[in-house]
C-alpha atoms as a PDB file:
ATOM      1  CA  MET A   1     193.379 -42.366 -14.097  1.00  0.00           C
ATOM      2  CA  ALA A   2     195.096 -41.496 -17.343  1.00  0.00           C
ATOM      3  CA  ASP A   3     198.423 -39.821 -17.658  1.00  0.00           C
ATOM      4  CA  VAL A   4     199.162 -36.713 -19.672  1.00  0.00           C
ATOM      5  CA  LEU A   5     201.974 -37.067 -22.182  1.00  0.00           C
ATOM      6  CA  ILE A   6     203.995 -33.900 -22.775  1.00  0.00           C
ATOM      7  CA  VAL A   7     206.395 -33.790 -25.716  1.00  0.00           C
ATOM      8  CA  ASP A   8     208.856 -30.931 -26.167  1.00  0.00           C
ATOM      9  CA  CYS A   9     209.260 -30.769 -29.936  1.00  0.00           C
ATOM     10  CA  VAL A  10     212.428 -28.692 -29.694  1.00  0.00           C
ATOM     11  CA  THR A  11     214.385 -30.948 -27.360  1.00  0.00           C
ATOM     12  CA  GLY A  12     212.519 -34.198 -27.968  1.00  0.00           C
ATOM     13  CA  GLU A  13     212.038 -34.606 -24.219  1.00  0.00           C
ATOM     14  CA  VAL A  14     209.000 -36.676 -23.283  1.00  0.00           C
ATOM     15  CA  THR A  15     207.436 -36.459 -19.838  1.00  0.00           C
ATOM     16  CA  THR A  16     204.278 -37.880 -18.341  1.00  0.00           C
ATOM     17  CA  ARG A  17     202.232 -36.700 -15.414  1.00  0.00           C
ATOM     18  CA  PRO A  18     198.900 -37.652 -13.898  1.00  0.00           C
ATOM     19  CA  GLN A  19     195.823 -35.721 -14.974  1.00  0.00           C
ATOM     20  CA  THR A  20     194.678 -32.971 -12.649  1.00  0.00           C
ATOM     21  CA  ALA A  21     191.194 -32.960 -11.169  1.00  0.00           C
ATOM     22  CA  GLU A  22     190.309 -30.050 -13.478  1.00  0.00           C
ATOM     23  CA  GLU A  23     191.432 -31.984 -16.562  1.00  0.00           C
ATOM     24  CA  ILE A  24     189.450 -35.038 -15.493  1.00  0.00           C
ATOM     25  CA  ALA A  25     186.351 -32.902 -14.857  1.00  0.00           C
ATOM     26  CA  ALA A  26     186.717 -31.159 -18.231  1.00  0.00           C
ATOM     27  CA  GLN A  27     187.071 -34.517 -19.963  1.00  0.00           C
ATOM     28  CA  GLU A  28     183.925 -35.825 -18.249  1.00  0.00           C
ATOM     29  CA  VAL A  29     181.964 -32.699 -19.203  1.00  0.00           C
ATOM     30  CA  ALA A  30     183.115 -33.027 -22.817  1.00  0.00           C
ATOM     31  CA  ALA A  31     182.125 -36.701 -22.855  1.00  0.00           C
ATOM     32  CA  GLN A  32     178.674 -35.878 -21.450  1.00  0.00           C
ATOM     33  CA  ALA A  33     178.193 -33.126 -24.027  1.00  0.00           C
ATOM     34  CA  ALA A  34     179.217 -35.457 -26.845  1.00  0.00           C
ATOM     35  CA  GLN A  35     176.804 -38.120 -25.577  1.00  0.00           C
ATOM     36  CA  ALA A  36     173.972 -35.594 -25.327  1.00  0.00           C
ATOM     37  CA  GLU A  37     174.670 -34.437 -28.883  1.00  0.00           C
ATOM     38  CA  ALA A  38     174.718 -38.024 -30.142  1.00  0.00           C
ATOM     39  CA  ASP A  39     171.436 -38.767 -28.331  1.00  0.00           C
ATOM     40  CA  ALA A  40     169.811 -35.657 -29.810  1.00  0.00           C
ATOM     41  CA  LYS A  41     170.967 -36.615 -33.311  1.00  0.00           C
ATOM     42  CA  ALA A  42     169.665 -40.160 -32.879  1.00  0.00           C
ATOM     43  CA  ALA A  43     166.291 -38.818 -31.715  1.00  0.00           C
ATOM     44  CA  ALA A  44     166.128 -36.400 -34.654  1.00  0.00           C
ATOM     45  CA  ASP A  45     167.018 -39.198 -37.075  1.00  0.00           C
ATOM     46  CA  ALA A  46     164.329 -41.432 -35.567  1.00  0.00           C
ATOM     47  CA  ASP A  47     161.765 -38.626 -35.861  1.00  0.00           C
ATOM     48  CA  ALA A  48     162.714 -38.037 -39.491  1.00  0.00           C
ATOM     49  CA  ALA A  49     162.407 -41.752 -40.250  1.00  0.00           C
ATOM     50  CA  ALA A  50     158.994 -41.892 -38.580  1.00  0.00           C
ATOM     51  CA  GLN A  51     157.854 -38.825 -40.528  1.00  0.00           C
ATOM     52  CA  LEU A  52     159.048 -40.379 -43.785  1.00  0.00           C
ATOM     53  CA  ALA A  53     157.259 -43.647 -43.030  1.00  0.00           C
ATOM     54  CA  ALA A  54     154.031 -41.811 -42.184  1.00  0.00           C
ATOM     55  CA  THR A  55     154.259 -39.755 -45.362  1.00  0.00           C
ATOM     56  CA  ASN A  56     154.918 -42.902 -47.369  1.00  0.00           C
ATOM     57  CA  GLN A  57     151.816 -44.601 -45.915  1.00  0.00           C
ATOM     58  CA  LYS A  58     149.628 -41.562 -46.634  1.00  0.00           C
ATOM     59  CA  LEU A  59     150.784 -41.429 -50.235  1.00  0.00           C
ATOM     60  CA  LEU A  60     150.202 -45.169 -50.651  1.00  0.00           C
ATOM     61  CA  ALA A  61     146.684 -44.682 -49.249  1.00  0.00           C
ATOM     62  CA  LEU A  62     146.078 -42.021 -51.898  1.00  0.00           C
ATOM     63  CA  GLY A  63     146.823 -44.609 -54.572  1.00  0.00           C
ATOM     64  CA  LEU A  64     150.390 -43.731 -55.509  1.00  0.00           C
ATOM     65  CA  THR A  65     152.780 -46.577 -56.190  1.00  0.00           C
ATOM     66  CA  GLN A  66     156.057 -46.908 -54.329  1.00  0.00           C
ATOM     67  CA  ILE A  67     157.861 -45.947 -57.540  1.00  0.00           C
ATOM     68  CA  ASP A  68     155.799 -42.724 -57.718  1.00  0.00           C
ATOM     69  CA  ILE A  69     156.559 -41.974 -54.080  1.00  0.00           C
ATOM     70  CA  ASN A  70     160.283 -42.590 -54.512  1.00  0.00           C
ATOM     71  CA  THR A  71     160.285 -40.300 -57.553  1.00  0.00           C
ATOM     72  CA  LEU A  72     158.527 -37.547 -55.603  1.00  0.00           C
ATOM     73  CA  LEU A  73     160.852 -37.868 -52.615  1.00  0.00           C
ATOM     74  CA  ASN A  74     163.952 -37.847 -54.804  1.00  0.00           C
ATOM     75  CA  ALA A  75     162.666 -34.769 -56.629  1.00  0.00           C
ATOM     76  CA  ALA A  76     162.020 -33.043 -53.280  1.00  0.00           C
ATOM     77  CA  LYS A  77     165.610 -33.727 -52.168  1.00  0.00           C
ATOM     78  CA  ALA A  78     167.048 -32.177 -55.341  1.00  0.00           C
END
């Protein structure tokens, strides 16, 4: 269990105390939310990469060169 550090900026007094059950629970909830957000971003990034790869393959099948495809994709980003 982690301790909470309390610093009184006026007096310079530093005290420590153990975390309360509520603080520990809030920290765990925040950690779970951050992990869920990171997982969602990773999934979205993977989907975007898969979409880009599929689009790239379709354009290659249509006879475009990789240079043409890169030019089109860069123009679409602008």
